[in-house]
PDB file of all heavy atoms in Angstrom:
ATOM      1  N   VAL A   1      94.001 -37.427  -0.520  1.00  0.00           N
ATOM      2  CA  VAL A   1      92.699 -36.829  -0.236  1.00  0.00           C
ATOM      3  C   VAL A   1      91.894 -36.670  -1.517  1.00  0.00           C
ATOM      4  O   VAL A   1      92.458 -36.585  -2.608  1.00  0.00           O
ATOM      5  CB  VAL A   1      92.854 -35.449   0.452  1.00  0.00           C
ATOM      6  CG1 VAL A   1      93.533 -35.585   1.812  1.00  0.00           C
ATOM      7  CG2 VAL A   1      93.616 -34.473  -0.433  1.00  0.00           C
ATOM      8  N   LYS A   2      90.582 -36.601  -1.356  1.00  0.00           N
ATOM      9  CA  LYS A   2      89.700 -36.344  -2.492  1.00  0.00           C
ATOM     10  C   LYS A   2      89.651 -34.852  -2.807  1.00  0.00           C
ATOM     11  O   LYS A   2      89.399 -34.468  -3.947  1.00  0.00           O
ATOM     12  CB  LYS A   2      88.298 -36.873  -2.195  1.00  0.00           C
ATOM     13  CG  LYS A   2      88.247 -38.381  -2.086  1.00  0.00           C
ATOM     14  CD  LYS A   2      86.855 -38.866  -1.747  1.00  0.00           C
ATOM     15  CE  LYS A   2      86.860 -40.388  -1.604  1.00  0.00           C
ATOM     16  NZ  LYS A   2      85.541 -40.892  -1.213  1.00  0.00           N
ATOM     17  N   ASN A   3      89.871 -34.034  -1.785  1.00  0.00           N
ATOM     18  CA  ASN A   3      89.801 -32.589  -1.945  1.00  0.00           C
ATOM     19  C   ASN A   3      90.802 -31.953  -0.986  1.00  0.00           C
ATOM     20  O   ASN A   3      90.754 -32.208   0.213  1.00  0.00           O
ATOM     21  CB  ASN A   3      88.376 -32.101  -1.643  1.00  0.00           C
ATOM     22  CG  ASN A   3      88.214 -30.617  -1.796  1.00  0.00           C
ATOM     23  OD1 ASN A   3      88.808 -29.842  -1.055  1.00  0.00           O
ATOM     24  ND2 ASN A   3      87.391 -30.210  -2.754  1.00  0.00           N
ATOM     25  N   ARG A   4      91.681 -31.129  -1.499  1.00  0.00           N
ATOM     26  CA  ARG A   4      92.717 -30.539  -0.655  1.00  0.00           C
ATOM     27  C   ARG A   4      92.165 -29.557   0.379  1.00  0.00           C
ATOM     28  O   ARG A   4      92.779 -29.371   1.423  1.00  0.00           O
ATOM     29  CB  ARG A   4      93.765 -29.840  -1.519  1.00  0.00           C
ATOM     30  CG  ARG A   4      94.676 -30.821  -2.210  1.00  0.00           C
ATOM     31  CD  ARG A   4      95.795 -30.113  -2.907  1.00  0.00           C
ATOM     32  NE  ARG A   4      96.697 -31.075  -3.534  1.00  0.00           N
ATOM     33  CZ  ARG A   4      97.663 -30.732  -4.331  1.00  0.00           C
ATOM     34  NH1 ARG A   4      97.879 -29.459  -4.625  1.00  0.00           N
ATOM     35  NH2 ARG A   4      98.443 -31.656  -4.860  1.00  0.00           N
ATOM     36  N   ASN A   5      91.045 -28.919   0.088  1.00  0.00           N
ATOM     37  CA  ASN A   5      90.475 -27.976   1.058  1.00  0.00           C
ATOM     38  C   ASN A   5      89.789 -28.696   2.202  1.00  0.00           C
ATOM     39  O   ASN A   5      89.979 -28.353   3.365  1.00  0.00           O
ATOM     40  CB  ASN A   5      89.496 -27.008   0.383  1.00  0.00           C
ATOM     41  CG  ASN A   5      90.218 -25.991  -0.463  1.00  0.00           C
ATOM     42  OD1 ASN A   5      91.374 -25.664  -0.227  1.00  0.00           O
ATOM     43  ND2 ASN A   5      89.536 -25.481  -1.471  1.00  0.00           N
ATOM     44  N   THR A   6      88.970 -29.685   1.868  1.00  0.00           N
ATOM     45  CA  THR A   6      88.225 -30.399   2.910  1.00  0.00           C
ATOM     46  C   THR A   6      89.060 -31.496   3.558  1.00  0.00           C
ATOM     47  O   THR A   6      88.721 -31.973   4.641  1.00  0.00           O
ATOM     48  CB  THR A   6      86.949 -31.038   2.330  1.00  0.00           C
ATOM     49  OG1 THR A   6      87.315 -32.053   1.391  1.00  0.00           O
ATOM     50  CG2 THR A   6      86.054 -29.986   1.692  1.00  0.00           C
ATOM     51  N   LYS A   7      90.125 -31.893   2.882  1.00  0.00           N
ATOM     52  CA  LYS A   7      90.998 -32.984   3.347  1.00  0.00           C
ATOM     53  C   LYS A   7      90.237 -34.303   3.486  1.00  0.00           C
ATOM     54  O   LYS A   7      90.603 -35.168   4.282  1.00  0.00           O
ATOM     55  CB  LYS A   7      91.692 -32.637   4.670  1.00  0.00           C
ATOM     56  CG  LYS A   7      92.587 -31.424   4.620  1.00  0.00           C
ATOM     57  CD  LYS A   7      93.831 -31.696   3.830  1.00  0.00           C
ATOM     58  CE  LYS A   7      94.789 -30.513   3.948  1.00  0.00           C
ATOM     59  NZ  LYS A   7      95.958 -30.646   3.162  1.00  0.00           N
ATOM     60  N   GLU A   8      89.157 -34.461   2.691  1.00  0.00           N
ATOM     61  CA  GLU A   8      88.404 -35.711   2.734  1.00  0.00           C
ATOM     62  C   GLU A   8      89.327 -36.862   2.345  1.00  0.00           C
ATOM     63  O   GLU A   8      89.950 -36.836   1.282  1.00  0.00           O
ATOM     64  CB  GLU A   8      87.210 -35.650   1.778  1.00  0.00           C
ATOM     65  CG  GLU A   8      86.379 -36.909   1.805  1.00  0.00           C
ATOM     66  CD  GLU A   8      85.215 -36.885   0.819  1.00  0.00           C
ATOM     67  OE1 GLU A   8      84.948 -35.823   0.221  1.00  0.00           O
ATOM     68  OE2 GLU A   8      84.591 -37.942   0.641  1.00  0.00           O
ATOM     69  N   PRO A   9      89.454 -37.875   3.210  1.00  0.00           N
ATOM     70  CA  PRO A   9      90.364 -38.988   2.946  1.00  0.00           C
ATOM     71  C   PRO A   9      90.018 -39.733   1.665  1.00  0.00           C
ATOM     72  O   PRO A   9      88.853 -39.827   1.284  1.00  0.00           O
ATOM     73  CB  PRO A   9      90.173 -39.902   4.162  1.00  0.00           C
ATOM     74  CG  PRO A   9      89.571 -39.033   5.218  1.00  0.00           C
ATOM     75  CD  PRO A   9      88.747 -38.007   4.484  1.00  0.00           C
ATOM     76  N   ALA A  10      91.040 -40.269   1.021  1.00  0.00           N
ATOM     77  CA  ALA A  10      90.868 -41.052  -0.205  1.00  0.00           C
ATOM     78  C   ALA A  10      91.474 -42.443  -0.021  1.00  0.00           C
ATOM     79  O   ALA A  10      92.492 -42.782  -0.630  1.00  0.00           O
ATOM     80  CB  ALA A  10      91.510 -40.317  -1.383  1.00  0.00           C
ATOM     81  N   PRO A  11      90.850 -43.287   0.823  1.00  0.00           N
ATOM     82  CA  PRO A  11      91.425 -44.613   1.067  1.00  0.00           C
ATOM     83  C   PRO A  11      91.438 -45.518  -0.159  1.00  0.00           C
ATOM     84  O   PRO A  11      92.360 -46.321  -0.325  1.00  0.00           O
ATOM     85  CB  PRO A  11      90.545 -45.193   2.182  1.00  0.00           C
ATOM     86  CG  PRO A  11      89.273 -44.420   2.123  1.00  0.00           C
ATOM     87  CD  PRO A  11      89.634 -43.057   1.600  1.00  0.00           C
ATOM     88  N   GLU A  12      90.443 -45.392  -1.032  1.00  0.00           N
ATOM     89  CA  GLU A  12      90.419 -46.226  -2.241  1.00  0.00           C
ATOM     90  C   GLU A  12      91.597 -45.877  -3.136  1.00  0.00           C
ATOM     91  O   GLU A  12      92.256 -46.760  -3.697  1.00  0.00           O
ATOM     92  CB  GLU A  12      89.099 -46.035  -3.012  1.00  0.00           C
ATOM     93  CG  GLU A  12      87.863 -46.363  -2.216  1.00  0.00           C
ATOM     94  CD  GLU A  12      87.343 -45.172  -1.386  1.00  0.00           C
ATOM     95  OE1 GLU A  12      87.882 -44.041  -1.505  1.00  0.00           O
ATOM     96  OE2 GLU A  12      86.414 -45.388  -0.597  1.00  0.00           O
ATOM     97  N   ALA A  13      91.849 -44.583  -3.280  1.00  0.00           N
ATOM     98  CA  ALA A  13      92.987 -44.139  -4.086  1.00  0.00           C
ATOM     99  C   ALA A  13      94.296 -44.601  -3.455  1.00  0.00           C
ATOM    100  O   ALA A  13      95.245 -44.955  -4.161  1.00  0.00           O
ATOM    101  CB  ALA A  13      92.970 -42.618  -4.232  1.00  0.00           C
ATOM    102  N   THR A  14      94.340 -44.628  -2.139  1.00  0.00           N
ATOM    103  CA  THR A  14      95.549 -45.064  -1.446  1.00  0.00           C
ATOM    104  C   THR A  14      95.839 -46.526  -1.753  1.00  0.00           C
ATOM    105  O   THR A  14      96.982 -46.896  -2.050  1.00  0.00           O
ATOM    106  CB  THR A  14      95.401 -44.841   0.074  1.00  0.00           C
ATOM    107  OG1 THR A  14      95.085 -43.469   0.303  1.00  0.00           O
ATOM    108  CG2 THR A  14      96.682 -45.197   0.806  1.00  0.00           C
ATOM    109  N   ASN A  15      94.810 -47.346  -1.709  1.00  0.00           N
ATOM    110  CA  ASN A  15      94.993 -48.773  -2.032  1.00  0.00           C
ATOM    111  C   ASN A  15      95.459 -48.949  -3.469  1.00  0.00           C
ATOM    112  O   ASN A  15      96.359 -49.752  -3.742  1.00  0.00           O
ATOM    113  CB  ASN A  15      93.695 -49.545  -1.796  1.00  0.00           C
ATOM    114  CG  ASN A  15      93.341 -49.650  -0.338  1.00  0.00           C
ATOM    115  OD1 ASN A  15      94.197 -49.559   0.534  1.00  0.00           O
ATOM    116  ND2 ASN A  15      92.062 -49.830  -0.061  1.00  0.00           N
ATOM    117  N   LEU A  16      94.855 -48.211  -4.373  1.00  0.00           N
ATOM    118  CA  LEU A  16      95.245 -48.296  -5.782  1.00  0.00           C
ATOM    119  C   LEU A  16      96.685 -47.818  -5.973  1.00  0.00           C
ATOM    120  O   LEU A  16      97.460 -48.446  -6.701  1.00  0.00           O
ATOM    121  CB  LEU A  16      94.285 -47.470  -6.644  1.00  0.00           C
ATOM    122  CG  LEU A  16      94.512 -47.511  -8.143  1.00  0.00           C
ATOM    123  CD1 LEU A  16      94.482 -48.927  -8.686  1.00  0.00           C
ATOM    124  CD2 LEU A  16      93.458 -46.645  -8.845  1.00  0.00           C
ATOM    125  N   PHE A  17      97.043 -46.739  -5.310  1.00  0.00           N
ATOM    126  CA  PHE A  17      98.407 -46.216  -5.390  1.00  0.00           C
ATOM    127  C   PHE A  17      99.415 -47.253  -4.892  1.00  0.00           C
ATOM    128  O   PHE A  17     100.444 -47.503  -5.533  1.00  0.00           O
ATOM    129  CB  PHE A  17      98.525 -44.921  -4.571  1.00  0.00           C
ATOM    130  CG  PHE A  17      99.920 -44.387  -4.498  1.00  0.00           C
ATOM    131  CD1 PHE A  17     100.491 -43.736  -5.587  1.00  0.00           C
ATOM    132  CD2 PHE A  17     100.679 -44.518  -3.343  1.00  0.00           C
ATOM    133  CE1 PHE A  17     101.787 -43.244  -5.526  1.00  0.00           C
ATOM    134  CE2 PHE A  17     101.959 -44.028  -3.268  1.00  0.00           C
ATOM    135  CZ  PHE A  17     102.521 -43.392  -4.364  1.00  0.00           C
ATOM    136  N   MET A  18      99.112 -47.873  -3.764  1.00  0.00           N
ATOM    137  CA  MET A  18     100.019 -48.893  -3.210  1.00  0.00           C
ATOM    138  C   MET A  18     100.198 -50.051  -4.190  1.00  0.00           C
ATOM    139  O   MET A  18     101.313 -50.553  -4.359  1.00  0.00           O
ATOM    140  CB  MET A  18      99.492 -49.406  -1.870  1.00  0.00           C
ATOM    141  CG  MET A  18      99.564 -48.379  -0.758  1.00  0.00           C
ATOM    142  SD  MET A  18      98.846 -48.989   0.772  1.00  0.00           S
ATOM    143  CE  MET A  18      99.976 -50.334   1.153  1.00  0.00           C
ATOM    144  N   GLU A  19      99.116 -50.454  -4.834  1.00  0.00           N
ATOM    145  CA  GLU A  19      99.187 -51.551  -5.808  1.00  0.00           C
ATOM    146  C   GLU A  19     100.004 -51.139  -7.027  1.00  0.00           C
ATOM    147  O   GLU A  19     100.826 -51.919  -7.523  1.00  0.00           O
ATOM    148  CB  GLU A  19      97.782 -51.995  -6.217  1.00  0.00           C
ATOM    149  CG  GLU A  19      97.755 -53.110  -7.238  1.00  0.00           C
ATOM    150  CD  GLU A  19      98.433 -54.396  -6.787  1.00  0.00           C
ATOM    151  OE1 GLU A  19      98.639 -54.619  -5.574  1.00  0.00           O
ATOM    152  OE2 GLU A  19      98.782 -55.211  -7.667  1.00  0.00           O
ATOM    153  N   GLN A  20      99.811 -49.930  -7.500  1.00  0.00           N
ATOM    154  CA  GLN A  20     100.595 -49.435  -8.639  1.00  0.00           C
ATOM    155  C   GLN A  20     102.086 -49.363  -8.273  1.00  0.00           C
ATOM    156  O   GLN A  20     102.940 -49.701  -9.088  1.00  0.00           O
ATOM    157  CB  GLN A  20     100.081 -48.071  -9.107  1.00  0.00           C
ATOM    158  CG  GLN A  20      98.728 -48.109  -9.769  1.00  0.00           C
ATOM    159  CD  GLN A  20      98.730 -48.923 -11.058  1.00  0.00           C
ATOM    160  OE1 GLN A  20      99.700 -48.949 -11.809  1.00  0.00           O
ATOM    161  NE2 GLN A  20      97.634 -49.607 -11.304  1.00  0.00           N
ATOM    162  N   CYS A  21     102.388 -48.917  -7.058  1.00  0.00           N
ATOM    163  CA  CYS A  21     103.790 -48.881  -6.611  1.00  0.00           C
ATOM    164  C   CYS A  21     104.368 -50.292  -6.570  1.00  0.00           C
ATOM    165  O   CYS A  21     105.497 -50.523  -7.022  1.00  0.00           O
ATOM    166  CB  CYS A  21     103.898 -48.228  -5.235  1.00  0.00           C
ATOM    167  SG  CYS A  21     103.750 -46.439  -5.238  1.00  0.00           S
ATOM    168  N   ARG A  22     103.588 -51.235  -6.049  1.00  0.00           N
ATOM    169  CA  ARG A  22     104.058 -52.626  -5.971  1.00  0.00           C
ATOM    170  C   ARG A  22     104.379 -53.162  -7.356  1.00  0.00           C
ATOM    171  O   ARG A  22     105.412 -53.789  -7.563  1.00  0.00           O
ATOM    172  CB  ARG A  22     103.006 -53.513  -5.297  1.00  0.00           C
ATOM    173  CG  ARG A  22     103.492 -54.949  -5.066  1.00  0.00           C
ATOM    174  CD  ARG A  22     102.354 -55.883  -4.727  1.00  0.00           C
ATOM    175  NE  ARG A  22     101.383 -56.013  -5.797  1.00  0.00           N
ATOM    176  CZ  ARG A  22     101.565 -56.727  -6.926  1.00  0.00           C
ATOM    177  NH1 ARG A  22     102.690 -57.362  -7.133  1.00  0.00           N
ATOM    178  NH2 ARG A  22     100.608 -56.785  -7.848  1.00  0.00           N
ATOM    179  N   LYS A  23     103.509 -52.867  -8.314  1.00  0.00           N
ATOM    180  CA  LYS A  23     103.753 -53.310  -9.687  1.00  0.00           C
ATOM    181  C   LYS A  23     105.043 -52.709 -10.238  1.00  0.00           C
ATOM    182  O   LYS A  23     105.712 -53.321 -11.062  1.00  0.00           O
ATOM    183  CB  LYS A  23     102.583 -52.927 -10.589  1.00  0.00           C
ATOM    184  CG  LYS A  23     101.351 -53.757 -10.367  1.00  0.00           C
ATOM    185  CD  LYS A  23     100.210 -53.292 -11.271  1.00  0.00           C
ATOM    186  CE  LYS A  23      98.959 -54.091 -11.030  1.00  0.00           C
ATOM    187  NZ  LYS A  23      97.832 -53.581 -11.850  1.00  0.00           N
ATOM    188  N   GLY A  24     105.381 -51.516  -9.779  1.00  0.00           N
ATOM    189  CA  GLY A  24     106.610 -50.862 -10.220  1.00  0.00           C
ATOM    190  C   GLY A  24     107.843 -51.299  -9.447  1.00  0.00           C
ATOM    191  O   GLY A  24     108.953 -50.869  -9.751  1.00  0.00           O
TER     192      GLY A  24
END
């Protein structure tokens, strides 16, 4: 999420996270 209170989704961060995990 972009903000823990609003729970606004963070799909861009999710894609980046998945790519970083793949690299690892």
